PDB file of N, CA and C in Angstrom:
ATOM      1  N   MET A   1      31.948 -24.891  -9.392  1.00  0.00           N
ATOM      2  CA  MET A   1      32.124 -23.599 -10.018  1.00  0.00           C
ATOM      3  C   MET A   1      31.867 -23.726 -11.512  1.00  0.00           C
ATOM      4  N   SER A   2      31.321 -22.698 -12.085  1.00  0.00           N
ATOM      5  CA  SER A   2      31.081 -22.730 -13.522  1.00  0.00           C
ATOM      6  C   SER A   2      32.257 -22.096 -14.239  1.00  0.00           C
ATOM      7  N   ASP A   3      32.448 -22.543 -15.453  1.00  0.00           N
ATOM      8  CA  ASP A   3      33.545 -22.041 -16.270  1.00  0.00           C
ATOM      9  C   ASP A   3      33.123 -20.727 -16.914  1.00  0.00           C
ATOM     10  N   ILE A   4      34.011 -19.737 -16.937  1.00  0.00           N
ATOM     11  CA  ILE A   4      33.687 -18.425 -17.499  1.00  0.00           C
ATOM     12  C   ILE A   4      33.436 -18.527 -18.998  1.00  0.00           C
ATOM     13  N   SER A   5      34.147 -19.399 -19.696  1.00  0.00           N
ATOM     14  CA  SER A   5      33.955 -19.519 -21.139  1.00  0.00           C
ATOM     15  C   SER A   5      32.615 -20.154 -21.476  1.00  0.00           C
ATOM     16  N   ASP A   6      31.954 -20.747 -20.479  1.00  0.00           N
ATOM     17  CA  ASP A   6      30.674 -21.405 -20.685  1.00  0.00           C
ATOM     18  C   ASP A   6      29.525 -20.390 -20.788  1.00  0.00           C
ATOM     19  N   ARG A   7      29.751 -19.161 -20.338  1.00  0.00           N
ATOM     20  CA  ARG A   7      28.708 -18.146 -20.327  1.00  0.00           C
ATOM     21  C   ARG A   7      28.559 -17.520 -21.705  1.00  0.00           C
ATOM     22  N   PRO A   8      27.322 -17.188 -22.105  1.00  0.00           N
ATOM     23  CA  PRO A   8      27.144 -16.526 -23.398  1.00  0.00           C
ATOM     24  C   PRO A   8      27.624 -15.075 -23.323  1.00  0.00           C
ATOM     25  N   GLU A   9      28.127 -14.601 -24.421  1.00  0.00           N
ATOM     26  CA  GLU A   9      28.633 -13.229 -24.476  1.00  0.00           C
ATOM     27  C   GLU A   9      27.471 -12.282 -24.758  1.00  0.00           C
ATOM     28  N   PRO A  10      27.437 -11.117 -24.083  1.00  0.00           N
ATOM     29  CA  PRO A  10      26.332 -10.192 -24.326  1.00  0.00           C
ATOM     30  C   PRO A  10      26.396  -9.603 -25.725  1.00  0.00           C
ATOM     31  N   GLU A  11      25.216  -9.359 -26.272  1.00  0.00           N
ATOM     32  CA  GLU A  11      25.129  -8.788 -27.611  1.00  0.00           C
ATOM     33  C   GLU A  11      24.972  -7.275 -27.487  1.00  0.00           C
ATOM     34  N   ILE A  12      25.836  -6.523 -28.157  1.00  0.00           N
ATOM     35  CA  ILE A  12      25.782  -5.071 -28.122  1.00  0.00           C
ATOM     36  C   ILE A  12      25.071  -4.607 -29.380  1.00  0.00           C
ATOM     37  N   ILE A  13      23.942  -3.910 -29.171  1.00  0.00           N
ATOM     38  CA  ILE A  13      23.148  -3.433 -30.305  1.00  0.00           C
ATOM     39  C   ILE A  13      23.405  -1.937 -30.448  1.00  0.00           C
ATOM     40  N   PRO A  14      23.924  -1.494 -31.617  1.00  0.00           N
ATOM     41  CA  PRO A  14      24.183  -0.063 -31.795  1.00  0.00           C
ATOM     42  C   PRO A  14      22.887   0.734 -31.795  1.00  0.00           C
ATOM     43  N   PRO A  15      22.973   2.028 -31.404  1.00  0.00           N
ATOM     44  CA  PRO A  15      21.766   2.856 -31.381  1.00  0.00           C
ATOM     45  C   PRO A  15      21.175   3.010 -32.778  1.00  0.00           C
ATOM     46  N   GLY A  16      19.860   2.997 -32.850  1.00  0.00           N
ATOM     47  CA  GLY A  16      19.178   3.186 -34.127  1.00  0.00           C
ATOM     48  C   GLY A  16      18.951   1.900 -34.896  1.00  0.00           C
ATOM     49  N   THR A  17      19.546   0.823 -34.492  1.00  0.00           N
ATOM     50  CA  THR A  17      19.351  -0.450 -35.182  1.00  0.00           C
ATOM     51  C   THR A  17      18.023  -1.051 -34.733  1.00  0.00           C
ATOM     52  N   PRO A  18      17.164  -1.459 -35.691  1.00  0.00           N
ATOM     53  CA  PRO A  18      15.886  -2.056 -35.276  1.00  0.00           C
ATOM     54  C   PRO A  18      16.122  -3.396 -34.593  1.00  0.00           C
ATOM     55  N   LEU A  19      15.319  -3.639 -33.566  1.00  0.00           N
ATOM     56  CA  LEU A  19      15.431  -4.896 -32.835  1.00  0.00           C
ATOM     57  C   LEU A  19      14.777  -6.016 -33.625  1.00  0.00           C
ATOM     58  N   ARG A  20      15.339  -7.185 -33.503  1.00  0.00           N
ATOM     59  CA  ARG A  20      14.767  -8.340 -34.182  1.00  0.00           C
ATOM     60  C   ARG A  20      13.467  -8.742 -33.503  1.00  0.00           C
ATOM     61  N   GLY A  21      12.467  -9.067 -34.291  1.00  0.00           N
ATOM     62  CA  GLY A  21      11.160  -9.414 -33.745  1.00  0.00           C
ATOM     63  C   GLY A  21      11.030 -10.867 -33.373  1.00  0.00           C
ATOM     64  N   ASP A  22      11.998 -11.697 -33.725  1.00  0.00           N
ATOM     65  CA  ASP A  22      11.852 -13.115 -33.446  1.00  0.00           C
ATOM     66  C   ASP A  22      12.260 -13.484 -32.024  1.00  0.00           C
ATOM     67  N   ARG A  23      12.931 -12.591 -31.310  1.00  0.00           N
ATOM     68  CA  ARG A  23      13.358 -12.900 -29.949  1.00  0.00           C
ATOM     69  C   ARG A  23      12.369 -12.296 -28.964  1.00  0.00           C
ATOM     70  N   ARG A  24      11.521 -13.112 -28.438  1.00  0.00           N
ATOM     71  CA  ARG A  24      10.535 -12.638 -27.476  1.00  0.00           C
ATOM     72  C   ARG A  24      10.710 -13.299 -26.113  1.00  0.00           C
ATOM     73  N   ILE A  25      11.616 -14.251 -26.003  1.00  0.00           N
ATOM     74  CA  ILE A  25      11.800 -14.981 -24.753  1.00  0.00           C
ATOM     75  C   ILE A  25      13.228 -14.759 -24.275  1.00  0.00           C
ATOM     76  N   TRP A  26      13.354 -14.400 -23.009  1.00  0.00           N
ATOM     77  CA  TRP A  26      14.675 -14.268 -22.402  1.00  0.00           C
ATOM     78  C   TRP A  26      15.035 -15.599 -21.768  1.00  0.00           C
ATOM     79  N   ILE A  27      16.217 -16.056 -22.036  1.00  0.00           N
ATOM     80  CA  ILE A  27      16.671 -17.327 -21.486  1.00  0.00           C
ATOM     81  C   ILE A  27      17.865 -17.058 -20.589  1.00  0.00           C
ATOM     82  N   THR A  28      17.819 -17.580 -19.380  1.00  0.00           N
ATOM     83  CA  THR A  28      18.954 -17.444 -18.477  1.00  0.00           C
ATOM     84  C   THR A  28      19.579 -18.811 -18.279  1.00  0.00           C
ATOM     85  N   ARG A  29      20.836 -18.784 -17.954  1.00  0.00           N
ATOM     86  CA  ARG A  29      21.544 -20.043 -17.754  1.00  0.00           C
ATOM     87  C   ARG A  29      21.928 -20.231 -16.300  1.00  0.00           C
ATOM     88  N   ASP A  30      21.133 -19.666 -15.408  1.00  0.00           N
ATOM     89  CA  ASP A  30      21.407 -19.843 -13.985  1.00  0.00           C
ATOM     90  C   ASP A  30      21.128 -21.285 -13.596  1.00  0.00           C
ATOM     91  N   THR A  31      21.856 -21.723 -12.625  1.00  0.00           N
ATOM     92  CA  THR A  31      21.618 -23.077 -12.136  1.00  0.00           C
ATOM     93  C   THR A  31      20.339 -23.064 -11.308  1.00  0.00           C
ATOM     94  N   PRO A  32      19.506 -24.073 -11.462  1.00  0.00           N
ATOM     95  CA  PRO A  32      18.270 -24.099 -10.671  1.00  0.00           C
ATOM     96  C   PRO A  32      18.599 -24.297  -9.196  1.00  0.00           C
ATOM     97  N   ARG A  33      17.944 -23.530  -8.366  1.00  0.00           N
ATOM     98  CA  ARG A  33      18.166 -23.622  -6.931  1.00  0.00           C
ATOM     99  C   ARG A  33      16.881 -24.102  -6.280  1.00  0.00           C
ATOM    100  N   THR A  34      17.037 -24.891  -5.271  1.00  0.00           N
ATOM    101  CA  THR A  34      15.881 -25.385  -4.542  1.00  0.00           C
ATOM    102  C   THR A  34      15.774 -24.623  -3.230  1.00  0.00           C
ATOM    103  N   HIS A  35      14.607 -24.076  -2.959  1.00  0.00           N
ATOM    104  CA  HIS A  35      14.357 -23.364  -1.714  1.00  0.00           C
ATOM    105  C   HIS A  35      13.394 -24.196  -0.889  1.00  0.00           C
ATOM    106  N   TYR A  36      13.734 -24.356   0.364  1.00  0.00           N
ATOM    107  CA  TYR A  36      12.887 -25.132   1.252  1.00  0.00           C
ATOM    108  C   TYR A  36      12.093 -24.191   2.150  1.00  0.00           C
ATOM    109  N   VAL A  37      10.846 -24.545   2.374  1.00  0.00           N
ATOM    110  CA  VAL A  37       9.999 -23.812   3.297  1.00  0.00           C
ATOM    111  C   VAL A  37       9.690 -24.749   4.453  1.00  0.00           C
ATOM    112  N   TYR A  38      10.136 -24.361   5.623  1.00  0.00           N
ATOM    113  CA  TYR A  38       9.914 -25.189   6.800  1.00  0.00           C
ATOM    114  C   TYR A  38       8.687 -24.693   7.546  1.00  0.00           C
ATOM    115  N   THR A  39       7.795 -25.578   7.841  1.00  0.00           N
ATOM    116  CA  THR A  39       6.589 -25.212   8.589  1.00  0.00           C
ATOM    117  C   THR A  39       6.532 -26.052   9.857  1.00  0.00           C
ATOM    118  N   THR A  40       5.776 -25.571  10.800  1.00  0.00           N
ATOM    119  CA  THR A  40       5.611 -26.308  12.043  1.00  0.00           C
ATOM    120  C   THR A  40       4.171 -26.118  12.521  1.00  0.00           C
ATOM    121  N   ARG A  41       3.741 -26.977  13.384  1.00  0.00           N
ATOM    122  CA  ARG A  41       2.398 -26.858  13.936  1.00  0.00           C
ATOM    123  C   ARG A  41       2.368 -25.726  14.952  1.00  0.00           C
ATOM    124  N   ILE A  42       1.209 -25.053  15.016  1.00  0.00           N
ATOM    125  CA  ILE A  42       1.044 -23.971  15.966  1.00  0.00           C
ATOM    126  C   ILE A  42       0.533 -24.560  17.272  1.00  0.00           C
ATOM    127  N   GLY A  43       1.248 -24.280  18.347  1.00  0.00           N
ATOM    128  CA  GLY A  43       0.856 -24.765  19.665  1.00  0.00           C
ATOM    129  C   GLY A  43      -0.148 -23.833  20.311  1.00  0.00           C
ATOM    130  N   PRO A  44      -0.614 -24.171  21.482  1.00  0.00           N
ATOM    131  CA  PRO A  44      -1.620 -23.350  22.157  1.00  0.00           C
ATOM    132  C   PRO A  44      -1.086 -21.965  22.546  1.00  0.00           C
ATOM    133  N   VAL A  45       0.175 -21.873  22.955  1.00  0.00           N
ATOM    134  CA  VAL A  45       0.742 -20.575  23.331  1.00  0.00           C
ATOM    135  C   VAL A  45       0.875 -19.697  22.089  1.00  0.00           C
ATOM    136  N   SER A  46       1.353 -20.262  21.005  1.00  0.00           N
ATOM    137  CA  SER A  46       1.496 -19.498  19.759  1.00  0.00           C
ATOM    138  C   SER A  46       0.135 -19.042  19.246  1.00  0.00           C
ATOM    139  N   LEU A  47      -0.848 -19.899  19.362  1.00  0.00           N
ATOM    140  CA  LEU A  47      -2.197 -19.535  18.932  1.00  0.00           C
ATOM    141  C   LEU A  47      -2.760 -18.397  19.783  1.00  0.00           C
ATOM    142  N   ALA A  48      -2.510 -18.446  21.090  1.00  0.00           N
ATOM    143  CA  ALA A  48      -2.975 -17.374  21.979  1.00  0.00           C
ATOM    144  C   ALA A  48      -2.280 -16.060  21.637  1.00  0.00           C
ATOM    145  N   LEU A  49      -0.972 -16.107  21.404  1.00  0.00           N
ATOM    146  CA  LEU A  49      -0.236 -14.886  21.049  1.00  0.00           C
ATOM    147  C   LEU A  49      -0.696 -14.336  19.698  1.00  0.00           C
ATOM    148  N   LEU A  50      -0.967 -15.221  18.761  1.00  0.00           N
ATOM    149  CA  LEU A  50      -1.448 -14.792  17.446  1.00  0.00           C
ATOM    150  C   LEU A  50      -2.830 -14.146  17.563  1.00  0.00           C
ATOM    151  N   THR A  51      -3.685 -14.708  18.410  1.00  0.00           N
ATOM    152  CA  THR A  51      -5.008 -14.137  18.632  1.00  0.00           C
ATOM    153  C   THR A  51      -4.907 -12.772  19.312  1.00  0.00           C
ATOM    154  N   LEU A  52      -4.020 -12.642  20.286  1.00  0.00           N
ATOM    155  CA  LEU A  52      -3.820 -11.352  20.955  1.00  0.00           C
ATOM    156  C   LEU A  52      -3.289 -10.306  19.978  1.00  0.00           C
ATOM    157  N   ALA A  53      -2.379 -10.695  19.112  1.00  0.00           N
ATOM    158  CA  ALA A  53      -1.840  -9.752  18.127  1.00  0.00           C
ATOM    159  C   ALA A  53      -2.937  -9.309  17.160  1.00  0.00           C
ATOM    160  N   GLY A  54      -3.773 -10.233  16.721  1.00  0.00           N
ATOM    161  CA  GLY A  54      -4.896  -9.877  15.844  1.00  0.00           C
ATOM    162  C   GLY A  54      -5.881  -8.955  16.537  1.00  0.00           C
ATOM    163  N   GLY A  55      -6.160  -9.217  17.814  1.00  0.00           N
ATOM    164  CA  GLY A  55      -7.055  -8.354  18.578  1.00  0.00           C
ATOM    165  C   GLY A  55      -6.471  -6.964  18.776  1.00  0.00           C
ATOM    166  N   ALA A  56      -5.156  -6.888  18.999  1.00  0.00           N
ATOM    167  CA  ALA A  56      -4.510  -5.583  19.162  1.00  0.00           C
ATOM    168  C   ALA A  56      -4.574  -4.785  17.867  1.00  0.00           C
ATOM    169  N   ILE A  57      -4.365  -5.445  16.753  1.00  0.00           N
ATOM    170  CA  ILE A  57      -4.447  -4.758  15.454  1.00  0.00           C
ATOM    171  C   ILE A  57      -5.876  -4.277  15.204  1.00  0.00           C
ATOM    172  N   ALA A  58      -6.858  -5.114  15.529  1.00  0.00           N
ATOM    173  CA  ALA A  58      -8.264  -4.713  15.346  1.00  0.00           C
ATOM    174  C   ALA A  58      -8.614  -3.541  16.255  1.00  0.00           C
ATOM    175  N   ALA A  59      -8.124  -3.547  17.502  1.00  0.00           N
ATOM    176  CA  ALA A  59      -8.408  -2.448  18.427  1.00  0.00           C
ATOM    177  C   ALA A  59      -7.773  -1.149  17.928  1.00  0.00           C
ATOM    178  N   LEU A  60      -6.560  -1.221  17.426  1.00  0.00           N
ATOM    179  CA  LEU A  60      -5.912  -0.021  16.876  1.00  0.00           C
ATOM    180  C   LEU A  60      -6.667   0.506  15.663  1.00  0.00           C
ATOM    181  N   ALA A  61      -7.170  -0.383  14.833  1.00  0.00           N
ATOM    182  CA  ALA A  61      -7.938   0.046  13.661  1.00  0.00           C
ATOM    183  C   ALA A  61      -9.228   0.743  14.090  1.00  0.00           C
ATOM    184  N   ILE A  62      -9.898   0.209  15.096  1.00  0.00           N
ATOM    185  CA  ILE A  62     -11.134   0.837  15.585  1.00  0.00           C
ATOM    186  C   ILE A  62     -10.837   2.204  16.197  1.00  0.00           C
ATOM    187  N   LEU A  63      -9.757   2.300  16.976  1.00  0.00           N
ATOM    188  CA  LEU A  63      -9.385   3.596  17.552  1.00  0.00           C
ATOM    189  C   LEU A  63      -9.065   4.614  16.464  1.00  0.00           C
ATOM    190  N   PHE A  64      -8.397   4.184  15.415  1.00  0.00           N
ATOM    191  CA  PHE A  64      -8.086   5.090  14.306  1.00  0.00           C
ATOM    192  C   PHE A  64      -9.375   5.584  13.647  1.00  0.00           C
ATOM    193  N   LEU A  65     -10.307   4.685  13.397  1.00  0.00           N
ATOM    194  CA  LEU A  65     -11.568   5.079  12.770  1.00  0.00           C
ATOM    195  C   LEU A  65     -12.386   5.997  13.666  1.00  0.00           C
ATOM    196  N   LEU A  66     -12.415   5.721  14.958  1.00  0.00           N
ATOM    197  CA  LEU A  66     -13.144   6.585  15.889  1.00  0.00           C
ATOM    198  C   LEU A  66     -12.501   7.971  15.976  1.00  0.00           C
ATOM    199  N   GLY A  67     -11.179   8.024  15.987  1.00  0.00           N
ATOM    200  CA  GLY A  67     -10.478   9.314  16.000  1.00  0.00           C
ATOM    201  C   GLY A  67     -10.770  10.120  14.751  1.00  0.00           C
ATOM    202  N   THR A  68     -10.797   9.438  13.616  1.00  0.00           N
ATOM    203  CA  THR A  68     -11.126  10.119  12.363  1.00  0.00           C
ATOM    204  C   THR A  68     -12.547  10.655  12.394  1.00  0.00           C
ATOM    205  N   ALA A  69     -13.469   9.887  12.946  1.00  0.00           N
ATOM    206  CA  ALA A  69     -14.866  10.333  13.034  1.00  0.00           C
ATOM    207  C   ALA A  69     -14.990  11.542  13.955  1.00  0.00           C
ATOM    208  N   VAL A  70     -14.285  11.539  15.081  1.00  0.00           N
ATOM    209  CA  VAL A  70     -14.350  12.671  16.013  1.00  0.00           C
ATOM    210  C   VAL A  70     -13.790  13.928  15.354  1.00  0.00           C
ATOM    211  N   ILE A  71     -12.675  13.814  14.661  1.00  0.00           N
ATOM    212  CA  ILE A  71     -12.094  14.969  13.970  1.00  0.00           C
ATOM    213  C   ILE A  71     -13.042  15.468  12.877  1.00  0.00           C
ATOM    214  N   GLY A  72     -13.685  14.555  12.154  1.00  0.00           N
ATOM    215  CA  GLY A  72     -14.645  14.950  11.119  1.00  0.00           C
ATOM    216  C   GLY A  72     -15.846  15.667  11.705  1.00  0.00           C
ATOM    217  N   LEU A  73     -16.372  15.153  12.824  1.00  0.00           N
ATOM    218  CA  LEU A  73     -17.509  15.815  13.468  1.00  0.00           C
ATOM    219  C   LEU A  73     -17.117  17.190  14.003  1.00  0.00           C
ATOM    220  N   ALA A  74     -15.912  17.323  14.523  1.00  0.00           N
ATOM    221  CA  ALA A  74     -15.450  18.629  15.000  1.00  0.00           C
ATOM    222  C   ALA A  74     -15.346  19.616  13.838  1.00  0.00           C
ATOM    223  N   ALA A  75     -14.843  19.153  12.700  1.00  0.00           N
ATOM    224  CA  ALA A  75     -14.737  20.035  11.526  1.00  0.00           C
ATOM    225  C   ALA A  75     -16.121  20.467  11.046  1.00  0.00           C
ATOM    226  N   ILE A  76     -17.073  19.547  11.044  1.00  0.00           N
ATOM    227  CA  ILE A  76     -18.446  19.899  10.642  1.00  0.00           C
ATOM    228  C   ILE A  76     -19.041  20.907  11.620  1.00  0.00           C
ATOM    229  N   GLY A  77     -18.798  20.735  12.913  1.00  0.00           N
ATOM    230  CA  GLY A  77     -19.296  21.680  13.910  1.00  0.00           C
ATOM    231  C   GLY A  77     -18.692  23.064  13.735  1.00  0.00           C
ATOM    232  N   VAL A  78     -17.396  23.133  13.484  1.00  0.00           N
ATOM    233  CA  VAL A  78     -16.733  24.429  13.280  1.00  0.00           C
ATOM    234  C   VAL A  78     -17.298  25.122  12.049  1.00  0.00           C
ATOM    235  N   LEU A  79     -17.492  24.387  10.965  1.00  0.00           N
ATOM    236  CA  LEU A  79     -18.053  24.990   9.756  1.00  0.00           C
ATOM    237  C   LEU A  79     -19.487  25.452   9.970  1.00  0.00           C
ATOM    238  N   THR A  80     -20.265  24.687  10.730  1.00  0.00           N
ATOM    239  CA  THR A  80     -21.645  25.089  11.013  1.00  0.00           C
ATOM    240  C   THR A  80     -21.684  26.364  11.844  1.00  0.00           C
ATOM    241  N   ILE A  81     -20.867  26.429  12.880  1.00  0.00           N
ATOM    242  CA  ILE A  81     -20.820  27.624  13.728  1.00  0.00           C
ATOM    243  C   ILE A  81     -20.334  28.826  12.922  1.00  0.00           C
ATOM    244  N   ALA A  82     -19.350  28.627  12.057  1.00  0.00           N
ATOM    245  CA  ALA A  82     -18.854  29.722  11.219  1.00  0.00           C
ATOM    246  C   ALA A  82     -19.961  30.219  10.285  1.00  0.00           C
ATOM    247  N   GLY A  83     -20.761  29.313   9.754  1.00  0.00           N
ATOM    248  CA  GLY A  83     -21.871  29.705   8.885  1.00  0.00           C
ATOM    249  C   GLY A  83     -22.938  30.482   9.633  1.00  0.00           C
ATOM    250  N   VAL A  84     -23.240  30.049  10.850  1.00  0.00           N
ATOM    251  CA  VAL A  84     -24.240  30.747  11.655  1.00  0.00           C
ATOM    252  C   VAL A  84     -23.748  32.148  12.012  1.00  0.00           C
ATOM    253  N   ILE A  85     -22.489  32.257  12.421  1.00  0.00           N
ATOM    254  CA  ILE A  85     -21.930  33.572  12.758  1.00  0.00           C
ATOM    255  C   ILE A  85     -21.901  34.477  11.533  1.00  0.00           C
ATOM    256  N   ALA A  86     -21.528  33.936  10.378  1.00  0.00           N
ATOM    257  CA  ALA A  86     -21.509  34.741   9.148  1.00  0.00           C
ATOM    258  C   ALA A  86     -22.922  35.207   8.798  1.00  0.00           C
ATOM    259  N   GLY A  87     -23.916  34.378   9.004  1.00  0.00           N
ATOM    260  CA  GLY A  87     -25.300  34.764   8.733  1.00  0.00           C
ATOM    261  C   GLY A  87     -25.786  35.852   9.673  1.00  0.00           C
ATOM    262  N   ILE A  88     -25.365  35.769  10.942  1.00  0.00           N
ATOM    263  CA  ILE A  88     -25.761  36.796  11.913  1.00  0.00           C
ATOM    264  C   ILE A  88     -25.091  38.126  11.571  1.00  0.00           C
ATOM    265  N   LEU A  89     -23.822  38.100  11.228  1.00  0.00           N
ATOM    266  CA  LEU A  89     -23.098  39.329  10.913  1.00  0.00           C
ATOM    267  C   LEU A  89     -23.571  39.956   9.610  1.00  0.00           C
ATOM    268  N   ARG A  90     -24.103  39.171   8.721  1.00  0.00           N
ATOM    269  CA  ARG A  90     -24.558  39.689   7.430  1.00  0.00           C
ATOM    270  C   ARG A  90     -25.841  40.495   7.581  1.00  0.00           C
ATOM    271  N   GLY A  91     -26.627  40.189   8.564  1.00  0.00           N
ATOM    272  CA  GLY A  91     -27.864  40.936   8.800  1.00  0.00           C
ATOM    273  C   GLY A  91     -29.058  40.160   8.294  1.00  0.00           C
ATOM    274  N   PRO A  92     -30.229  40.788   8.408  1.00  0.00           N
ATOM    275  CA  PRO A  92     -31.452  40.109   7.963  1.00  0.00           C
ATOM    276  C   PRO A  92     -31.472  39.970   6.442  1.00  0.00           C
ATOM    277  N   PRO A  93     -32.142  38.947   5.936  1.00  0.00           N
ATOM    278  CA  PRO A  93     -32.191  38.758   4.488  1.00  0.00           C
ATOM    279  C   PRO A  93     -32.985  39.870   3.805  1.00  0.00           C
ATOM    280  N   ARG A  94     -32.530  40.278   2.646  1.00  0.00           N
ATOM    281  CA  ARG A  94     -33.213  41.335   1.879  1.00  0.00           C
ATOM    282  C   ARG A  94     -33.989  40.702   0.735  1.00  0.00           C
ATOM    283  N   GLN A  95     -35.062  41.426   0.300  1.00  0.00           N
ATOM    284  CA  GLN A  95     -35.843  40.915  -0.810  1.00  0.00           C
ATOM    285  C   GLN A  95     -35.122  41.176  -2.117  1.00  0.00           C
ATOM    286  N   LEU A  96     -35.348  40.286  -3.075  1.00  0.00           N
ATOM    287  CA  LEU A  96     -34.766  40.468  -4.411  1.00  0.00           C
ATOM    288  C   LEU A  96     -35.602  41.491  -5.178  1.00  0.00           C
ATOM    289  N   ARG A  97     -34.967  42.265  -6.028  1.00  0.00           N
ATOM    290  CA  ARG A  97     -35.698  43.273  -6.806  1.00  0.00           C
ATOM    291  C   ARG A  97     -36.221  42.727  -8.071  1.00  0.00           C
TER     292      ARG A  97
END
């Protein structure tokens, strides 16, 4: 356990007081901690499952792109049909004066 008196006291800066320009580095007094990363070799079953998961993600991405393309083509078709109908309802083109 660390001693409470060992910790530095926070500095309270009143409002409107200019900050000192010489302090540009923050220093902490935390104890260094070591983190371990455990790795293991990938076996054939894990590799197969990883490949299947990658294939499933790729298939979902392709389905999303195809769905977007179908919706886009439908929107273009609706706009084209609306333009043709508007042109028919407007009548034959008139000459400019």
